[in-house]
Amino acid sequence: MTEILIKNADTILTMDDTRRELSNADILIRDGQIDKVGRGLQTTGEVHDAAGCVVTPGLVNTHHHLYQNLTRAVPGGQDALLFGWLKTLYPIWSHFGPEEMFVSAQIGLAELALSGCTLSSDHLYLYPNGARLDDTIAAAAEIGLRFHPTRGAMSIGESNGGLPPDALVEAEEAILNDMIRVVDAFHDPSDGAMCRVGLAPCSPFSVSRELMRDAAVLARDKGVMLHTHLAENDEDIAYSQAQFGCRPGQYAEELGWTGSDVWHAHCVKLDGAEIDLFARTQTGVAHCPCSNCRLGSGVAPVRTMRDHGVPVGLGADGSASNDNGSLILEARQAMLLQRVVNGADAMSSREALEIATRGGADVLNRPDCGRLEPGKRADIAIWDTRCVESAGSWDPAALLLAGPMKVKHLFVEGRQIVRDGQIATIDLPKTVERQNSLARALQQ
């Protein structure tokens, strides 16, 4: 039996059902689970002094494209809207292979871990030159983050009216067969699972109606979740109305893409009827505020979604459309944007942090994560508030207003992933060097 005691935390933000906040308190971890939360706890095992620190559940990332870490700040795509940005990057991505996928996933997950993230989804929808979902799953296992990869797909290329070049699309039968393969090989439905797999046709404008419907049927048969992009910007809405004769929410509903086992990325342009639909069906949303700003897509109606009961989590989105992979910065941006649209009292620091932890866990159907209470997984972020960013703060627990943007320590399933602000599981400088070498090769 392995025990770890996190002791003397200035504040513990539990995100439990009553949102308890404890001062001068401890957390006892036993065999990857939280055993006790309280004061004066003891252990004969390892002890971590958290004096001067705020302790939170690990943050949860509900939408990412990890492979895009190789294409940050690409000229020609820096100032484009969504569709133009995609057309710039698709030809570059066609040169990726297994190594590019693996190394980029390591970099992306390391960056997330340093920002306090313990559980990340990933949406991989292109597989050039022998790349497979297996490459990113192997990267996550080395970093040590809890992982929810999704087997994405594109099947409609430019010659058939789609956006992606024909070289990046796959035959739909092959897509479905590989979806079955990766679920059977990697999906773990048990509590505490380190890897679950979802099915994720890229978007309504890159796959057929039949593949959307078939993926939904397959997901329910396999007991896994569904994910795609939806209602991201005005171009997205116009495409749906022109091609399908309806709005994206109605299209999703007709094809079986609503329910508590579905979550959609972005949803910037959902209207009132679609928000009501998502609330009624408990369909989740991955809110990606920085990417939505970067691409000029708009501000998602998160305040309205939350008030109506739509499950909302945060997503960093790919680093080609965000350029940063920090989930704590994403939470701050989410808070600020809701205030810009709805007023200074529209979203508190604590509510935004709740969306980033418990909210994301709920979107991914992981009630075993996102909370600090007995019986939940020991996914824990420790933030040192004796830093310059918190100096003078009257409320150090208001992390998103005045707090560090990198964790001091991070635990996943009780295993230390970040130690004293450094990744503890891989040689990160060596991996960064390899990533930059791969990026230079792509430029040439």
Protein backbone atom coordinates (compact mmCIF):
# COMPACT_ATOMS: atom_id res chain seq x y z
CA MET A 1 0.00 0.00 0.00
CA THR A 2 1.40 3.41 -1.05
CA GLU A 3 0.56 6.53 0.94
CA ILE A 4 1.33 10.19 0.18
CA LEU A 5 0.37 13.07 2.46
CA ILE A 6 -0.05 16.61 1.14
CA LYS A 7 0.24 18.61 4.36
CA ASN A 8 -0.38 22.16 5.63
CA ALA A 9 -2.01 23.58 2.49
CA ASP A 10 -3.04 27.19 3.00
CA THR A 11 -6.28 26.50 1.11
CA ILE A 12 -7.83 23.41 -0.46
CA LEU A 13 -10.53 24.12 -3.05
CA THR A 14 -12.28 20.76 -3.04
CA MET A 15 -14.89 21.30 -5.80
CA ASP A 16 -17.00 18.70 -3.99
CA ASP A 17 -20.79 18.85 -4.00
CA THR A 18 -20.82 21.69 -1.45
CA ARG A 19 -17.69 23.41 -2.90
CA ARG A 20 -15.94 23.26 0.48
CA GLU A 21 -12.84 25.36 1.00
CA LEU A 22 -10.51 24.23 3.78
CA SER A 23 -7.67 26.23 5.31
CA ASN A 24 -4.50 24.78 6.85
CA ALA A 25 -5.58 21.32 5.72
CA ASP A 26 -4.17 18.05 4.41
CA ILE A 27 -4.94 15.38 1.79
CA LEU A 28 -4.05 11.74 2.30
CA ILE A 29 -3.54 9.69 -0.88
CA ARG A 30 -3.67 5.92 -0.73
CA ASP A 31 -3.03 3.72 -3.77
CA GLY A 32 -3.95 6.39 -6.31
CA GLN A 33 -7.15 7.50 -4.56
CA ILE A 34 -7.94 10.29 -2.14
CA ASP A 35 -8.40 8.63 1.23
CA LYS A 36 -9.00 11.63 3.52
CA VAL A 37 -9.27 15.41 3.34
CA GLY A 38 -9.01 17.29 6.62
CA ARG A 39 -6.69 18.66 9.29
CA GLY A 40 -4.02 16.92 11.30
CA LEU A 41 -3.73 13.88 9.05
CA GLN A 42 -0.77 11.54 9.51
CA THR A 43 1.11 8.98 7.42
CA THR A 44 4.19 6.80 7.53
CA GLY A 45 4.59 7.37 3.79
CA GLU A 46 5.84 10.25 1.66
CA VAL A 47 5.03 13.81 2.84
CA HIS A 48 4.77 16.96 0.68
CA ASP A 49 4.62 20.25 2.55
CA ALA A 50 2.06 22.53 0.89
CA ALA A 51 2.52 25.53 3.18
CA GLY A 52 2.02 28.72 1.19
CA CYS A 53 0.11 26.83 -1.49
CA VAL A 54 -3.41 26.52 -2.84
CA VAL A 55 -4.45 22.97 -3.73
CA THR A 56 -7.07 22.25 -6.40
CA PRO A 57 -8.28 19.25 -8.35
CA GLY A 58 -6.24 18.75 -11.50
CA LEU A 59 -7.64 20.70 -14.44
CA VAL A 60 -9.48 18.84 -17.21
CA ASN A 61 -8.97 19.61 -20.91
CA THR A 62 -12.00 18.63 -23.00
CA HIS A 63 -10.74 19.54 -26.49
CA HIS A 64 -7.31 19.50 -28.10
CA HIS A 65 -5.44 18.61 -31.28
CA LEU A 66 -2.07 17.65 -29.86
CA TYR A 67 -0.43 17.11 -33.25
CA GLN A 68 -0.76 20.84 -33.96
CA ASN A 69 2.05 21.67 -31.53
CA LEU A 70 4.36 21.28 -34.55
CA THR A 71 2.61 24.12 -36.40
CA ARG A 72 2.41 27.08 -34.06
CA ALA A 73 2.43 30.60 -35.54
CA VAL A 74 2.60 29.40 -39.14
CA PRO A 75 2.81 32.33 -41.62
CA GLY A 76 -0.29 32.53 -43.76
CA GLY A 77 -2.46 31.11 -41.00
CA GLN A 78 -1.76 33.62 -38.25
CA ASP A 79 -4.49 36.08 -39.23
CA ALA A 80 -7.01 33.88 -41.08
CA LEU A 81 -10.55 32.87 -40.25
CA LEU A 82 -11.31 29.20 -39.63
CA PHE A 83 -11.77 27.91 -43.18
CA GLY A 84 -8.82 29.87 -44.59
CA TRP A 85 -6.66 28.80 -41.67
CA LEU A 86 -7.50 25.14 -42.36
CA LYS A 87 -6.65 25.45 -46.05
CA THR A 88 -3.24 26.88 -45.12
CA LEU A 89 -2.41 24.09 -42.70
CA TYR A 90 -3.85 20.95 -44.29
CA PRO A 91 -0.99 20.64 -46.83
CA ILE A 92 1.59 20.94 -44.03
CA TRP A 93 -0.13 18.33 -41.88
CA SER A 94 -0.12 15.91 -44.82
CA HIS A 95 3.65 15.51 -44.25
CA PHE A 96 3.25 14.22 -40.67
CA GLY A 97 3.96 10.64 -39.69
CA PRO A 98 4.11 8.56 -36.49
CA GLU A 99 7.08 10.40 -35.00
CA GLU A 100 5.51 13.81 -35.53
CA MET A 101 2.33 12.62 -33.82
CA PHE A 102 4.20 11.08 -30.89
CA VAL A 103 6.58 13.96 -30.17
CA SER A 104 3.91 16.64 -30.59
CA ALA A 105 1.64 14.79 -28.18
CA GLN A 106 4.44 14.63 -25.62
CA ILE A 107 5.07 18.37 -25.93
CA GLY A 108 1.38 19.22 -25.76
CA LEU A 109 0.71 17.03 -22.75
CA ALA A 110 3.81 18.31 -20.94
CA GLU A 111 2.65 21.89 -21.50
CA LEU A 112 -0.79 21.01 -20.18
CA ALA A 113 0.68 19.30 -17.12
CA LEU A 114 2.74 22.38 -16.24
CA SER A 115 -0.50 24.40 -16.38
CA GLY A 116 -2.19 22.10 -13.85
CA CYS A 117 -3.95 19.68 -16.19
CA THR A 118 -4.24 16.02 -15.14
CA LEU A 119 -6.83 14.73 -17.65
CA SER A 120 -6.86 15.63 -21.34
CA SER A 121 -8.91 14.61 -24.30
CA ASP A 122 -7.46 14.74 -27.81
CA HIS A 123 -9.17 14.93 -31.19
CA LEU A 124 -6.95 13.32 -33.84
CA TYR A 125 -8.74 13.30 -37.18
CA LEU A 126 -5.95 12.84 -39.76
CA TYR A 127 -3.59 9.89 -40.16
CA PRO A 128 -1.03 10.53 -42.90
CA ASN A 129 1.98 8.34 -43.66
CA GLY A 130 1.18 5.50 -41.27
CA ALA A 131 0.27 7.63 -38.23
CA ARG A 132 -2.22 6.04 -35.82
CA LEU A 133 -4.06 6.98 -32.64
CA ASP A 134 -1.70 4.55 -30.93
CA ASP A 135 1.11 7.13 -31.31
CA THR A 136 -0.57 9.69 -29.06
CA ILE A 137 -1.71 7.06 -26.57
CA ALA A 138 1.91 5.95 -26.18
CA ALA A 139 2.98 9.56 -25.62
CA ALA A 140 0.37 10.06 -22.89
CA ALA A 141 1.50 6.89 -21.12
CA GLU A 142 5.07 8.21 -20.97
CA ILE A 143 4.05 11.65 -19.68
CA GLY A 144 1.63 10.08 -17.18
CA LEU A 145 -1.50 12.14 -17.80
CA ARG A 146 -4.94 10.60 -17.73
CA PHE A 147 -6.01 10.50 -21.40
CA HIS A 148 -9.23 10.49 -23.42
CA PRO A 149 -8.13 10.28 -27.07
CA THR A 150 -10.76 10.26 -29.79
CA ARG A 151 -10.52 8.48 -33.12
CA GLY A 152 -11.37 11.32 -35.47
CA ALA A 153 -11.83 11.13 -39.22
CA MET A 154 -12.27 13.06 -42.46
CA SER A 155 -13.90 11.40 -45.47
CA ILE A 156 -14.94 14.22 -47.82
CA GLY A 157 -12.03 15.79 -49.70
CA GLU A 158 -11.82 18.81 -51.97
CA SER A 159 -12.85 16.86 -55.06
CA ASN A 160 -16.20 16.12 -53.40
CA GLY A 161 -16.80 19.61 -52.04
CA GLY A 162 -15.05 19.21 -48.69
CA LEU A 163 -12.32 21.37 -47.18
CA PRO A 164 -9.42 18.92 -46.69
CA PRO A 165 -7.21 17.81 -49.59
CA ASP A 166 -8.05 14.36 -50.91
CA ALA A 167 -4.72 12.99 -49.60
CA LEU A 168 -5.90 13.49 -46.00
CA VAL A 169 -9.30 11.76 -46.20
CA GLU A 170 -10.02 8.09 -45.61
CA ALA A 171 -12.58 5.61 -46.88
CA GLU A 172 -15.47 5.41 -44.45
CA GLU A 173 -15.36 1.63 -44.12
CA ALA A 174 -11.68 1.85 -43.14
CA ILE A 175 -12.52 4.58 -40.61
CA LEU A 176 -15.19 2.49 -38.91
CA ASN A 177 -12.94 -0.58 -38.83
CA ASP A 178 -10.14 1.38 -37.17
CA MET A 179 -12.58 2.89 -34.69
CA ILE A 180 -13.49 -0.64 -33.64
CA ARG A 181 -9.81 -1.57 -33.41
CA VAL A 182 -8.75 1.31 -31.14
CA VAL A 183 -11.74 0.97 -28.82
CA ASP A 184 -11.13 -2.75 -28.42
CA ALA A 185 -7.41 -2.21 -27.87
CA PHE A 186 -7.34 0.81 -25.55
CA HIS A 187 -10.70 1.78 -24.04
CA ASP A 188 -10.97 1.17 -20.29
CA PRO A 189 -14.47 1.85 -18.90
CA SER A 190 -13.53 1.26 -15.25
CA ASP A 191 -13.31 3.88 -12.51
CA GLY A 192 -9.80 5.27 -12.36
CA ALA A 193 -9.10 4.41 -15.99
CA MET A 194 -5.98 6.04 -17.40
CA CYS A 195 -7.22 5.76 -20.99
CA ARG A 196 -10.68 5.94 -22.50
CA VAL A 197 -11.35 6.23 -26.22
CA GLY A 198 -14.07 8.20 -28.01
CA LEU A 199 -15.27 8.39 -31.62
CA ALA A 200 -14.98 11.76 -33.31
CA PRO A 201 -15.69 12.44 -37.00
CA CYS A 202 -13.98 15.79 -37.47
CA SER A 203 -16.93 18.01 -38.36
CA PRO A 204 -20.16 18.09 -40.33
CA PHE A 205 -18.27 19.68 -43.24
CA SER A 206 -15.57 16.98 -43.51
CA VAL A 207 -17.55 13.72 -43.25
CA SER A 208 -20.79 12.41 -44.69
CA ARG A 209 -24.15 12.24 -43.01
CA GLU A 210 -23.84 8.46 -43.14
CA LEU A 211 -20.53 8.42 -41.25
CA MET A 212 -21.91 10.71 -38.55
CA ARG A 213 -24.85 8.36 -38.07
CA ASP A 214 -22.77 5.18 -38.26
CA ALA A 215 -20.26 6.54 -35.72
CA ALA A 216 -23.12 7.31 -33.32
CA VAL A 217 -24.51 3.79 -33.65
CA LEU A 218 -21.05 2.26 -33.18
CA ALA A 219 -20.30 4.42 -30.13
CA ARG A 220 -23.49 3.33 -28.41
CA ASP A 221 -22.78 -0.29 -29.24
CA LYS A 222 -19.29 0.01 -27.74
CA GLY A 223 -20.31 2.19 -24.80
CA VAL A 224 -17.96 5.07 -25.67
CA MET A 225 -18.46 8.81 -26.09
CA LEU A 226 -18.91 10.92 -29.23
CA HIS A 227 -17.15 14.18 -30.05
CA THR A 228 -16.98 16.66 -32.95
CA HIS A 229 -16.77 20.38 -33.80
CA LEU A 230 -20.06 22.25 -33.94
CA ALA A 231 -21.30 25.80 -34.56
CA GLU A 232 -17.81 27.27 -34.33
CA ASN A 233 -18.31 30.46 -36.36
CA ASP A 234 -20.56 32.19 -38.88
CA GLU A 235 -19.04 30.22 -41.80
CA ASP A 236 -19.94 27.01 -39.97
CA ILE A 237 -23.59 28.09 -39.59
CA ALA A 238 -23.82 29.20 -43.22
CA TYR A 239 -22.39 25.87 -44.43
CA SER A 240 -24.89 23.89 -42.36
CA GLN A 241 -27.84 25.89 -43.63
CA ALA A 242 -26.67 25.67 -47.26
CA GLN A 243 -25.76 21.98 -47.25
CA PHE A 244 -28.22 20.49 -44.77
CA GLY A 245 -31.06 23.02 -44.74
CA CYS A 246 -30.90 23.41 -40.97
CA ARG A 247 -28.79 24.76 -38.13
CA PRO A 248 -25.97 22.64 -36.62
CA GLY A 249 -27.93 21.73 -33.49
CA GLN A 250 -30.83 20.31 -35.51
CA TYR A 251 -28.38 18.40 -37.74
CA ALA A 252 -26.73 16.89 -34.66
CA GLU A 253 -30.06 15.89 -33.15
CA GLU A 254 -31.27 14.22 -36.37
CA LEU A 255 -28.13 12.05 -36.53
CA GLY A 256 -28.12 10.93 -32.90
CA TRP A 257 -25.47 13.41 -31.78
CA THR A 258 -27.11 14.64 -28.59
CA GLY A 259 -27.09 13.09 -25.14
CA SER A 260 -24.90 12.76 -22.06
CA ASP A 261 -22.46 10.61 -24.04
CA VAL A 262 -21.81 13.42 -26.55
CA TRP A 263 -19.76 16.59 -26.27
CA HIS A 264 -19.22 19.22 -28.95
CA ALA A 265 -16.30 21.60 -29.30
CA HIS A 266 -16.75 25.39 -29.52
CA CYS A 267 -20.53 25.95 -29.90
CA VAL A 268 -19.85 29.68 -30.22
CA LYS A 269 -22.92 30.28 -32.36
CA LEU A 270 -25.56 28.14 -30.63
CA ASP A 271 -28.92 29.90 -30.54
CA GLY A 272 -31.53 29.72 -27.78
CA ALA A 273 -33.28 26.65 -29.16
CA GLU A 274 -29.97 24.77 -29.47
CA ILE A 275 -28.99 25.69 -25.91
CA ASP A 276 -32.35 24.38 -24.69
CA LEU A 277 -31.76 21.17 -26.70
CA PHE A 278 -28.32 20.67 -25.15
CA ALA A 279 -29.65 21.34 -21.66
CA ARG A 280 -32.58 18.96 -22.09
CA THR A 281 -30.39 16.16 -23.45
CA GLN A 282 -27.35 16.94 -21.23
CA THR A 283 -25.13 17.27 -24.28
CA GLY A 284 -21.72 18.63 -23.28
CA VAL A 285 -19.75 21.58 -24.62
CA ALA A 286 -15.98 22.08 -24.78
CA HIS A 287 -15.48 25.84 -24.52
CA CYS A 288 -12.24 27.02 -26.19
CA PRO A 289 -12.03 30.76 -25.50
CA CYS A 290 -8.45 31.48 -26.65
CA SER A 291 -8.85 29.65 -29.96
CA ASN A 292 -12.20 31.33 -30.55
CA CYS A 293 -10.50 34.71 -30.01
CA ARG A 294 -7.48 33.85 -32.17
CA LEU A 295 -9.66 32.82 -35.14
CA GLY A 296 -12.13 35.66 -34.63
CA SER A 297 -14.97 33.18 -34.15
CA GLY A 298 -16.69 35.06 -31.33
CA VAL A 299 -17.54 34.50 -27.67
CA ALA A 300 -19.50 31.37 -26.78
CA PRO A 301 -22.64 32.00 -24.67
CA VAL A 302 -21.22 30.16 -21.66
CA ARG A 303 -23.15 32.19 -19.10
CA THR A 304 -26.43 31.32 -20.80
CA MET A 305 -25.40 27.66 -21.22
CA ARG A 306 -24.49 27.33 -17.55
CA ASP A 307 -27.67 29.05 -16.41
CA HIS A 308 -29.74 26.63 -18.49
CA GLY A 309 -27.89 23.56 -17.20
CA VAL A 310 -25.70 22.69 -20.19
CA PRO A 311 -22.57 20.76 -19.07
CA VAL A 312 -19.57 22.95 -19.97
CA GLY A 313 -15.84 22.22 -19.74
CA LEU A 314 -12.78 23.97 -21.07
CA GLY A 315 -10.62 23.11 -24.06
CA ALA A 316 -7.19 24.42 -24.99
CA ASP A 317 -7.79 23.45 -28.65
CA GLY A 318 -4.87 22.86 -30.98
CA SER A 319 -1.75 24.99 -30.72
CA ALA A 320 -2.07 25.99 -34.37
CA SER A 321 -5.21 27.95 -33.48
CA ASN A 322 -4.27 28.92 -29.92
CA ASP A 323 -0.47 28.91 -29.93
CA ASN A 324 -0.56 28.26 -26.20
CA GLY A 325 -1.48 25.07 -24.38
CA SER A 326 -2.10 26.41 -20.88
CA LEU A 327 -5.39 25.35 -19.34
CA ILE A 328 -5.10 27.75 -16.41
CA LEU A 329 -4.80 30.63 -18.90
CA GLU A 330 -7.81 29.21 -20.73
CA ALA A 331 -9.80 29.38 -17.50
CA ARG A 332 -8.81 33.00 -16.94
CA GLN A 333 -9.74 33.88 -20.51
CA ALA A 334 -13.13 32.20 -20.12
CA MET A 335 -13.82 34.30 -17.02
CA LEU A 336 -12.75 37.54 -18.68
CA LEU A 337 -14.74 37.00 -21.88
CA GLN A 338 -17.98 36.33 -20.01
CA ARG A 339 -17.40 39.57 -18.13
CA VAL A 340 -16.78 41.47 -21.38
CA VAL A 341 -20.12 40.28 -22.76
CA ASN A 342 -22.26 40.12 -19.63
CA GLY A 343 -20.72 42.43 -17.03
CA ALA A 344 -18.11 42.24 -14.27
CA ASP A 345 -20.26 39.99 -12.09
CA ALA A 346 -20.95 37.45 -14.86
CA MET A 347 -18.34 34.90 -13.79
CA SER A 348 -16.18 34.64 -10.70
CA SER A 349 -12.68 33.24 -10.48
CA ARG A 350 -14.00 30.27 -8.55
CA GLU A 351 -16.74 29.49 -11.07
CA ALA A 352 -14.26 29.54 -13.94
CA LEU A 353 -11.98 27.22 -11.97
CA GLU A 354 -14.95 24.94 -11.33
CA ILE A 355 -15.59 24.75 -15.09
CA ALA A 356 -11.91 23.88 -15.57
CA THR A 357 -12.00 21.03 -13.02
CA ARG A 358 -15.32 19.48 -12.03
CA GLY A 359 -17.05 20.86 -15.12
CA GLY A 360 -14.65 19.24 -17.55
CA ALA A 361 -14.69 15.96 -15.67
CA ASP A 362 -18.48 15.88 -15.87
CA VAL A 363 -18.44 16.61 -19.63
CA LEU A 364 -16.13 13.60 -20.11
CA ASN A 365 -18.32 11.42 -17.85
CA ARG A 366 -15.54 11.18 -15.26
CA PRO A 367 -17.22 11.79 -11.87
CA ASP A 368 -14.21 10.00 -10.36
CA CYS A 369 -12.10 13.06 -11.30
CA GLY A 370 -12.31 16.82 -10.86
CA ARG A 371 -13.01 16.77 -7.09
CA LEU A 372 -10.90 16.47 -3.96
CA GLU A 373 -12.88 14.15 -1.71
CA PRO A 374 -12.51 10.61 -0.38
CA GLY A 375 -12.94 7.94 -3.02
CA LYS A 376 -12.03 10.18 -5.97
CA ARG A 377 -8.84 9.78 -7.98
CA ALA A 378 -5.72 11.48 -6.66
CA ASP A 379 -5.38 14.00 -9.51
CA ILE A 380 -4.12 17.04 -7.63
CA ALA A 381 -2.56 20.41 -8.54
CA ILE A 382 -0.51 22.36 -5.99
CA TRP A 383 -0.05 26.08 -6.72
CA ASP A 384 2.62 28.06 -4.84
CA THR A 385 1.06 31.44 -4.02
CA ARG A 386 4.27 32.83 -2.55
CA CYS A 387 5.08 33.95 -6.09
CA VAL A 388 5.31 37.43 -7.55
CA GLU A 389 1.93 37.01 -9.32
CA SER A 390 0.18 36.56 -5.97
CA ALA A 391 2.19 39.13 -4.01
CA GLY A 392 -0.24 41.49 -2.29
CA SER A 393 -3.31 39.35 -3.01
CA TRP A 394 -5.96 39.45 -0.27
CA ASP A 395 -7.44 36.20 -1.57
CA PRO A 396 -4.72 33.87 -2.87
CA ALA A 397 -7.40 31.22 -3.57
CA ALA A 398 -8.72 33.48 -6.35
CA LEU A 399 -6.05 31.96 -8.58
CA LEU A 400 -7.41 33.29 -11.86
CA LEU A 401 -7.29 36.88 -10.64
CA ALA A 402 -3.85 36.89 -9.03
CA GLY A 403 -2.06 33.58 -9.03
CA PRO A 404 0.67 31.48 -10.61
CA MET A 405 0.17 30.20 -14.13
CA LYS A 406 2.30 27.08 -13.56
CA VAL A 407 1.96 24.43 -10.89
CA LYS A 408 4.57 23.65 -8.27
CA HIS A 409 3.58 19.98 -8.01
CA LEU A 410 1.12 17.83 -9.98
CA PHE A 411 -0.11 14.33 -9.15
CA VAL A 412 -2.05 11.96 -11.41
CA GLU A 413 -3.38 8.77 -9.82
CA GLY A 414 -1.03 9.59 -6.95
CA ARG A 415 2.03 9.63 -9.22
CA GLN A 416 4.05 12.85 -9.31
CA ILE A 417 4.14 14.26 -12.84
CA VAL A 418 5.43 17.76 -12.03
CA ARG A 419 7.97 18.31 -9.26
CA ASP A 420 9.04 21.84 -8.28
CA GLY A 421 7.73 23.24 -11.54
CA GLN A 422 9.50 20.71 -13.78
CA ILE A 423 8.18 17.68 -15.68
CA ALA A 424 9.31 14.63 -13.74
CA THR A 425 8.52 11.84 -16.19
CA ILE A 426 10.44 12.64 -19.39
CA ASP A 427 13.53 14.61 -20.45
CA LEU A 428 11.61 17.69 -21.57
CA PRO A 429 14.54 19.78 -22.93
CA LYS A 430 15.57 16.85 -25.15
CA THR A 431 11.96 16.45 -26.36
CA VAL A 432 11.70 20.19 -27.10
CA GLU A 433 14.90 19.95 -29.14
CA ARG A 434 13.46 17.05 -31.15
CA GLN A 435 10.18 18.94 -31.67
CA ASN A 436 12.00 21.98 -33.05
CA SER A 437 14.01 19.75 -35.37
CA LEU A 438 10.82 18.22 -36.75
CA ALA A 439 9.29 21.69 -37.18
CA ARG A 440 12.33 22.90 -39.17
CA ALA A 441 12.03 19.85 -41.42
CA LEU A 442 8.38 20.69 -42.11
CA GLN A 443 9.28 24.28 -42.96
CA GLN A 444 11.70 23.01 -45.61
